[in-house]
Amino acid sequence: MVELLFLGFSTGSLALQTMRKTMTKNITALSSVLTIALTGLFLFTTATPVIASSNCEPLKGCERKFCEIERQLKISKEKGNERKTDGLRISLNNAKKNCTNKGLKDDLVEEISSINEEVAEYETDLKEAEKHRKTDKTRKYQNKIEEEKSKIKFLEDELSRID
């Protein structure tokens, strides 16, 4: 902006307005790319435990939780990650002492409820963005809603496997 003033452009000039519009479009595009990248990262990180625990699939509830922690513990040991190994040992001991299928169900139901509340807020924000014809915000909230609904589906699948 300083350079524009130096070149003799006033703050209300057409050149400055054009530059602002271009910058806004670039920021919107960058935001969309970032959202897509973060969504991909989320999907990869949620898929990783499923890949890592493929032999735990037939197990249910706490037994499955123990199996998944043990798999992660094995991988952590193989990679020589002592801090993670120590944390996973503690996690496994705590899970074995405190895990109940009812507790797992209650935690999942609570998490699903919390995410449903977030979705409702995003849907309200989406309607507001659509009302004001803010396409960048509309896209942002549509992506968030889609991401949260995929989390809900994953958690509901987990909940159905606990029985």
Protein backbone atom coordinates (compact mmCIF):
# COMPACT_ATOMS: atom_id res chain seq x y z
CA MET A 1 0.00 0.00 0.00
CA VAL A 2 2.91 2.33 0.76
CA GLU A 3 4.28 1.74 -2.75
CA LEU A 4 0.90 2.55 -4.26
CA LEU A 5 0.71 5.83 -2.37
CA PHE A 6 4.28 6.60 -3.40
CA LEU A 7 3.40 6.05 -7.05
CA GLY A 8 0.60 8.57 -6.73
CA PHE A 9 -2.38 6.24 -6.34
CA SER A 10 -5.03 7.35 -3.91
CA THR A 11 -6.54 4.80 -1.54
CA GLY A 12 -9.82 4.86 -3.48
CA SER A 13 -8.23 4.40 -6.89
CA LEU A 14 -9.34 1.78 -9.37
CA ALA A 15 -5.88 0.19 -9.36
CA LEU A 16 -5.99 -0.31 -5.60
CA GLN A 17 -9.51 -1.75 -5.74
CA THR A 18 -8.46 -4.15 -8.50
CA MET A 19 -5.41 -5.17 -6.50
CA ARG A 20 -7.58 -5.82 -3.42
CA LYS A 21 -9.98 -7.99 -5.44
CA THR A 22 -7.08 -9.97 -6.90
CA MET A 23 -5.53 -10.48 -3.47
CA THR A 24 -8.89 -11.57 -2.05
CA LYS A 25 -9.29 -14.13 -4.86
CA ASN A 26 -5.75 -15.42 -4.25
CA ILE A 27 -6.35 -15.72 -0.51
CA THR A 28 -9.64 -17.54 -1.14
CA ALA A 29 -7.93 -19.96 -3.52
CA LEU A 30 -5.11 -20.54 -1.04
CA SER A 31 -7.67 -21.12 1.72
CA SER A 32 -9.44 -23.73 -0.44
CA VAL A 33 -6.19 -25.51 -1.20
CA LEU A 34 -5.27 -25.48 2.49
CA THR A 35 -8.70 -26.86 3.44
CA ILE A 36 -8.34 -29.68 0.92
CA ALA A 37 -4.82 -30.44 2.16
CA LEU A 38 -5.94 -30.52 5.80
CA THR A 39 -8.91 -32.72 4.91
CA GLY A 40 -6.53 -35.13 3.17
CA LEU A 41 -4.26 -35.11 6.19
CA PHE A 42 -7.22 -35.82 8.47
CA LEU A 43 -8.36 -38.71 6.31
CA PHE A 44 -4.83 -40.12 6.21
CA THR A 45 -4.38 -39.89 9.99
CA THR A 46 -7.75 -41.50 10.66
CA ALA A 47 -7.02 -44.24 8.13
CA THR A 48 -3.59 -45.01 9.60
CA PRO A 49 -4.91 -46.63 12.80
CA VAL A 50 -7.23 -48.80 10.71
CA ILE A 51 -4.29 -49.91 8.57
CA ALA A 52 -2.11 -50.45 11.64
CA SER A 53 -4.80 -52.47 13.41
CA SER A 54 -6.01 -54.65 10.56
CA ASN A 55 -5.51 -57.84 12.58
CA CYS A 56 -7.59 -56.32 15.40
CA GLU A 57 -10.69 -56.09 13.17
CA PRO A 58 -12.51 -59.17 14.48
CA LEU A 59 -12.16 -57.97 18.08
CA LYS A 60 -14.74 -55.75 19.79
CA GLY A 61 -14.80 -53.14 22.52
CA CYS A 62 -11.98 -53.10 25.03
CA GLU A 63 -10.27 -56.14 23.53
CA ARG A 64 -9.96 -54.28 20.25
CA LYS A 65 -8.67 -51.19 22.04
CA PHE A 66 -5.98 -53.25 23.77
CA CYS A 67 -5.02 -54.89 20.47
CA GLU A 68 -4.72 -51.53 18.69
CA ILE A 69 -2.55 -50.07 21.46
CA GLU A 70 -0.38 -53.21 21.41
CA ARG A 71 0.05 -52.88 17.60
CA GLN A 72 1.05 -49.25 17.94
CA LEU A 73 3.40 -50.23 20.76
CA LYS A 74 5.04 -52.85 18.54
CA ILE A 75 5.50 -50.35 15.69
CA SER A 76 6.87 -47.76 18.11
CA LYS A 77 9.41 -50.26 19.48
CA GLU A 78 10.47 -51.24 15.95
CA LYS A 79 11.07 -47.60 15.07
CA GLY A 80 12.99 -47.00 18.30
CA ASN A 81 10.68 -44.25 19.48
CA GLU A 82 11.19 -44.58 23.24
CA ARG A 83 8.94 -41.69 24.30
CA LYS A 84 6.02 -42.98 22.30
CA THR A 85 6.71 -46.52 23.52
CA ASP A 86 6.64 -45.34 27.14
CA GLY A 87 3.42 -43.40 26.55
CA LEU A 88 1.78 -46.37 24.88
CA ARG A 89 2.79 -48.69 27.74
CA ILE A 90 1.15 -46.30 30.20
CA SER A 91 -1.90 -46.04 27.94
CA LEU A 92 -2.18 -49.82 27.67
CA ASN A 93 -1.91 -50.28 31.46
CA ASN A 94 -4.55 -47.60 32.07
CA ALA A 95 -6.84 -49.11 29.43
CA LYS A 96 -6.51 -52.58 30.97
CA LYS A 97 -7.34 -51.18 34.42
CA ASN A 98 -10.22 -48.91 33.43
CA CYS A 99 -11.72 -49.93 30.09
CA THR A 100 -15.32 -51.08 29.94
CA ASN A 101 -17.50 -51.51 26.88
CA LYS A 102 -20.11 -49.26 28.47
CA GLY A 103 -17.46 -46.58 29.02
CA LEU A 104 -16.36 -46.84 25.38
CA LYS A 105 -19.98 -46.53 24.22
CA ASP A 106 -20.60 -43.53 26.45
CA ASP A 107 -17.45 -41.80 25.16
CA LEU A 108 -18.43 -42.40 21.53
CA VAL A 109 -22.02 -41.20 22.08
CA GLU A 110 -20.70 -38.06 23.77
CA GLU A 111 -18.22 -37.39 20.96
CA ILE A 112 -20.90 -37.92 18.28
CA SER A 113 -23.21 -35.53 20.12
CA SER A 114 -20.47 -32.91 20.33
CA ILE A 115 -19.70 -33.18 16.62
CA ASN A 116 -23.43 -32.96 15.79
CA GLU A 117 -23.53 -29.66 17.68
CA GLU A 118 -20.57 -28.41 15.63
CA VAL A 119 -22.34 -29.45 12.42
CA ALA A 120 -25.45 -27.50 13.47
CA GLU A 121 -23.30 -24.40 14.06
CA TYR A 122 -21.58 -24.82 10.69
CA GLU A 123 -24.97 -25.23 8.98
CA THR A 124 -26.14 -21.97 10.54
CA ASP A 125 -22.94 -20.26 9.38
CA LEU A 126 -23.40 -21.80 5.92
CA LYS A 127 -26.94 -20.39 5.60
CA GLU A 128 -25.65 -16.96 6.63
CA ALA A 129 -22.81 -17.14 4.08
CA GLU A 130 -25.24 -18.23 1.35
CA LYS A 131 -27.60 -15.41 2.31
CA HIS A 132 -24.79 -12.88 1.84
CA ARG A 133 -23.49 -14.69 -1.27
CA LYS A 134 -20.02 -15.24 0.17
CA THR A 135 -18.83 -18.12 -1.97
CA ASP A 136 -15.54 -18.56 -0.13
CA LYS A 137 -17.28 -18.86 3.21
CA THR A 138 -19.96 -21.09 1.70
CA ARG A 139 -17.31 -23.48 0.40
CA LYS A 140 -15.47 -23.37 3.73
CA TYR A 141 -18.56 -24.36 5.72
CA GLN A 142 -19.60 -27.01 3.20
CA ASN A 143 -16.14 -28.59 3.58
CA LYS A 144 -16.31 -28.43 7.37
CA ILE A 145 -19.77 -30.00 7.41
CA GLU A 146 -18.62 -32.78 5.10
CA GLU A 147 -15.52 -33.42 7.22
CA GLU A 148 -17.50 -33.52 10.46
CA LYS A 149 -20.12 -35.85 8.97
CA SER A 150 -17.38 -38.26 7.91
CA LYS A 151 -16.09 -38.21 11.50
CA ILE A 152 -19.62 -38.99 12.73
CA LYS A 153 -19.94 -41.92 10.32
CA PHE A 154 -16.59 -43.32 11.48
CA LEU A 155 -17.59 -42.97 15.15
CA GLU A 156 -21.02 -44.53 14.52
CA ASP A 157 -19.30 -47.48 12.83
CA GLU A 158 -17.06 -47.84 15.87
CA LEU A 159 -20.09 -47.66 18.16
CA SER A 160 -21.89 -50.39 16.24
CA ARG A 161 -18.87 -52.69 16.60
CA ILE A 162 -18.78 -52.47 20.40
CA ASP A 163 -21.90 -54.58 21.04
